[in-house]
Amino acid sequence: MTTPEQSARSRIDVLLTTAGWAVQDAAAANIHAVRGVAIREFPLPFSDQSTGVETRFTNGLDPAPRSRPVFAFHKLKGRDLLLDLDAHGGGRILSRSTSPMASSHC
């Protein structure tokens, strides 16, 4: 019998995969496997919390991080807009005033 948590996890995995993420378990995670790895139940600077119905996003690199409601999981392209990636693969966070997503649903 499927528990409500298992059912929600299945919906969340489908939503993440549809948004372009490769969903992996924390115990078997390989962040180098592909670009855009979503690790189940693992805290990172960019964090999505979802029930499978309601989804929230937290940017842990914000000066005052807080959870914000979003309409869907960020696609990889949208997440890249949050970072100004340099040629070496590093990045710096864009300020809210210069972020391409500042006028959308940040």
C-alpha atoms as a PDB file:
ATOM      1  CA  MET A   1       0.000   0.000   0.000  1.00  0.00           C
ATOM      2  CA  THR A   2       1.326   3.444  -0.915  1.00  0.00           C
ATOM      3  CA  THR A   3       1.614   5.978   1.905  1.00  0.00           C
ATOM      4  CA  PRO A   4       0.712   9.636   1.348  1.00  0.00           C
ATOM      5  CA  GLU A   5       4.438  10.497   1.607  1.00  0.00           C
ATOM      6  CA  GLN A   6       5.356   7.934  -1.074  1.00  0.00           C
ATOM      7  CA  SER A   7       2.594   9.255  -3.309  1.00  0.00           C
ATOM      8  CA  ALA A   8       3.808  12.842  -2.839  1.00  0.00           C
ATOM      9  CA  ARG A   9       7.424  11.768  -3.514  1.00  0.00           C
ATOM     10  CA  SER A  10       6.333  10.152  -6.798  1.00  0.00           C
ATOM     11  CA  ARG A  11       4.524  13.356  -7.886  1.00  0.00           C
ATOM     12  CA  ILE A  12       7.519  15.482  -6.854  1.00  0.00           C
ATOM     13  CA  ASP A  13       9.932  13.263  -8.794  1.00  0.00           C
ATOM     14  CA  VAL A  14       7.773  13.606 -11.930  1.00  0.00           C
ATOM     15  CA  LEU A  15       7.612  17.397 -11.502  1.00  0.00           C
ATOM     16  CA  LEU A  16      11.394  17.650 -11.069  1.00  0.00           C
ATOM     17  CA  THR A  17      12.079  15.364 -14.041  1.00  0.00           C
ATOM     18  CA  THR A  18       9.679  17.387 -16.198  1.00  0.00           C
ATOM     19  CA  ALA A  19      11.597  20.540 -15.220  1.00  0.00           C
ATOM     20  CA  GLY A  20      14.824  18.921 -16.447  1.00  0.00           C
ATOM     21  CA  TRP A  21      16.344  17.669 -13.192  1.00  0.00           C
ATOM     22  CA  ALA A  22      17.938  14.244 -12.672  1.00  0.00           C
ATOM     23  CA  VAL A  23      16.477  13.015  -9.372  1.00  0.00           C
ATOM     24  CA  GLN A  24      18.813  10.987  -7.157  1.00  0.00           C
ATOM     25  CA  ASP A  25      18.800   9.549  -3.635  1.00  0.00           C
ATOM     26  CA  ALA A  26      21.283  11.182  -1.244  1.00  0.00           C
ATOM     27  CA  ALA A  27      23.018   7.869  -0.507  1.00  0.00           C
ATOM     28  CA  ALA A  28      23.723   7.240  -4.206  1.00  0.00           C
ATOM     29  CA  ALA A  29      24.046  10.831  -5.446  1.00  0.00           C
ATOM     30  CA  ASN A  30      26.509  11.616  -8.210  1.00  0.00           C
ATOM     31  CA  ILE A  31      26.470  15.361  -8.800  1.00  0.00           C
ATOM     32  CA  HIS A  32      28.792  14.937 -11.772  1.00  0.00           C
ATOM     33  CA  ALA A  33      26.494  12.506 -13.618  1.00  0.00           C
ATOM     34  CA  VAL A  34      24.616  15.251 -15.485  1.00  0.00           C
ATOM     35  CA  ARG A  35      24.006  18.965 -15.267  1.00  0.00           C
ATOM     36  CA  GLY A  36      21.099  19.558 -12.909  1.00  0.00           C
ATOM     37  CA  VAL A  37      20.977  16.945 -10.171  1.00  0.00           C
ATOM     38  CA  ALA A  38      18.157  17.098  -7.626  1.00  0.00           C
ATOM     39  CA  ILE A  39      19.016  15.156  -4.470  1.00  0.00           C
ATOM     40  CA  ARG A  40      16.093  13.881  -2.439  1.00  0.00           C
ATOM     41  CA  GLU A  41      15.889  15.234   1.112  1.00  0.00           C
ATOM     42  CA  PHE A  42      19.328  16.854   1.107  1.00  0.00           C
ATOM     43  CA  PRO A  43      19.889  20.510   2.154  1.00  0.00           C
ATOM     44  CA  LEU A  44      21.749  22.739  -0.326  1.00  0.00           C
ATOM     45  CA  PRO A  45      21.994  26.533  -0.820  1.00  0.00           C
ATOM     46  CA  PHE A  46      19.117  26.335  -3.313  1.00  0.00           C
ATOM     47  CA  SER A  47      16.325  24.337  -1.735  1.00  0.00           C
ATOM     48  CA  ASP A  48      12.869  23.382  -2.945  1.00  0.00           C
ATOM     49  CA  GLN A  49      10.299  22.106  -0.492  1.00  0.00           C
ATOM     50  CA  SER A  50       7.197  20.439  -1.872  1.00  0.00           C
ATOM     51  CA  THR A  51       4.189  18.426  -0.827  1.00  0.00           C
ATOM     52  CA  GLY A  52       3.540  17.504  -4.456  1.00  0.00           C
ATOM     53  CA  VAL A  53       0.784  20.130  -4.489  1.00  0.00           C
ATOM     54  CA  GLU A  54       2.415  23.205  -2.934  1.00  0.00           C
ATOM     55  CA  THR A  55       6.037  24.090  -3.746  1.00  0.00           C
ATOM     56  CA  ARG A  56       8.311  26.608  -2.037  1.00  0.00           C
ATOM     57  CA  PHE A  57      11.861  27.757  -2.867  1.00  0.00           C
ATOM     58  CA  THR A  58      14.621  28.964  -0.539  1.00  0.00           C
ATOM     59  CA  ASN A  59      17.824  30.659  -1.678  1.00  0.00           C
ATOM     60  CA  GLY A  60      20.154  29.989   1.237  1.00  0.00           C
ATOM     61  CA  LEU A  61      22.632  32.496  -0.184  1.00  0.00           C
ATOM     62  CA  ASP A  62      20.218  35.417   0.298  1.00  0.00           C
ATOM     63  CA  PRO A  63      21.238  37.788   3.112  1.00  0.00           C
ATOM     64  CA  ALA A  64      17.953  36.862   4.824  1.00  0.00           C
ATOM     65  CA  PRO A  65      16.983  33.431   3.448  1.00  0.00           C
ATOM     66  CA  ARG A  66      13.307  32.532   3.585  1.00  0.00           C
ATOM     67  CA  SER A  67      10.965  30.136   1.897  1.00  0.00           C
ATOM     68  CA  ARG A  68       8.915  31.630  -0.950  1.00  0.00           C
ATOM     69  CA  PRO A  69       5.962  30.050  -2.756  1.00  0.00           C
ATOM     70  CA  VAL A  70       6.582  29.242  -6.435  1.00  0.00           C
ATOM     71  CA  PHE A  71       4.275  27.937  -9.144  1.00  0.00           C
ATOM     72  CA  ALA A  72       6.618  25.132 -10.207  1.00  0.00           C
ATOM     73  CA  PHE A  73      10.138  23.834  -9.756  1.00  0.00           C
ATOM     74  CA  HIS A  74      12.746  26.029 -11.424  1.00  0.00           C
ATOM     75  CA  LYS A  75      13.974  24.651 -14.708  1.00  0.00           C
ATOM     76  CA  LEU A  76      17.733  24.414 -15.082  1.00  0.00           C
ATOM     77  CA  LYS A  77      17.749  27.547 -17.240  1.00  0.00           C
ATOM     78  CA  GLY A  78      15.844  29.463 -14.560  1.00  0.00           C
ATOM     79  CA  ARG A  79      18.219  28.304 -11.850  1.00  0.00           C
ATOM     80  CA  ASP A  80      21.167  29.376 -14.016  1.00  0.00           C
ATOM     81  CA  LEU A  81      19.647  32.852 -14.183  1.00  0.00           C
ATOM     82  CA  LEU A  82      20.091  33.063 -10.430  1.00  0.00           C
ATOM     83  CA  LEU A  83      23.827  32.661 -10.894  1.00  0.00           C
ATOM     84  CA  ASP A  84      26.187  34.683 -13.031  1.00  0.00           C
ATOM     85  CA  LEU A  85      28.430  31.784 -13.991  1.00  0.00           C
ATOM     86  CA  ASP A  86      32.017  32.638 -14.834  1.00  0.00           C
ATOM     87  CA  ALA A  87      34.208  30.796 -17.314  1.00  0.00           C
ATOM     88  CA  HIS A  88      35.694  28.667 -14.525  1.00  0.00           C
ATOM     89  CA  GLY A  89      32.372  27.207 -13.457  1.00  0.00           C
ATOM     90  CA  GLY A  90      32.174  29.311 -10.322  1.00  0.00           C
ATOM     91  CA  GLY A  91      29.528  31.912  -9.835  1.00  0.00           C
ATOM     92  CA  ARG A  92      28.282  34.831  -7.882  1.00  0.00           C
ATOM     93  CA  ILE A  93      24.732  35.537  -6.889  1.00  0.00           C
ATOM     94  CA  LEU A  94      23.062  38.329  -8.790  1.00  0.00           C
ATOM     95  CA  SER A  95      21.490  41.071  -6.749  1.00  0.00           C
ATOM     96  CA  ARG A  96      17.708  41.288  -6.823  1.00  0.00           C
ATOM     97  CA  SER A  97      17.867  44.513  -8.845  1.00  0.00           C
ATOM     98  CA  THR A  98      20.035  42.961 -11.572  1.00  0.00           C
ATOM     99  CA  SER A  99      18.561  39.471 -11.579  1.00  0.00           C
ATOM    100  CA  PRO A 100      16.707  38.530 -14.777  1.00  0.00           C
ATOM    101  CA  MET A 101      14.117  36.877 -12.516  1.00  0.00           C
ATOM    102  CA  ALA A 102      13.630  39.902 -10.252  1.00  0.00           C
ATOM    103  CA  SER A 103      10.435  40.905 -11.991  1.00  0.00           C
ATOM    104  CA  SER A 104       9.026  37.372 -12.160  1.00  0.00           C
ATOM    105  CA  HIS A 105       8.331  35.030  -9.259  1.00  0.00           C
ATOM    106  CA  CYS A 106      11.413  35.298  -7.039  1.00  0.00           C
END
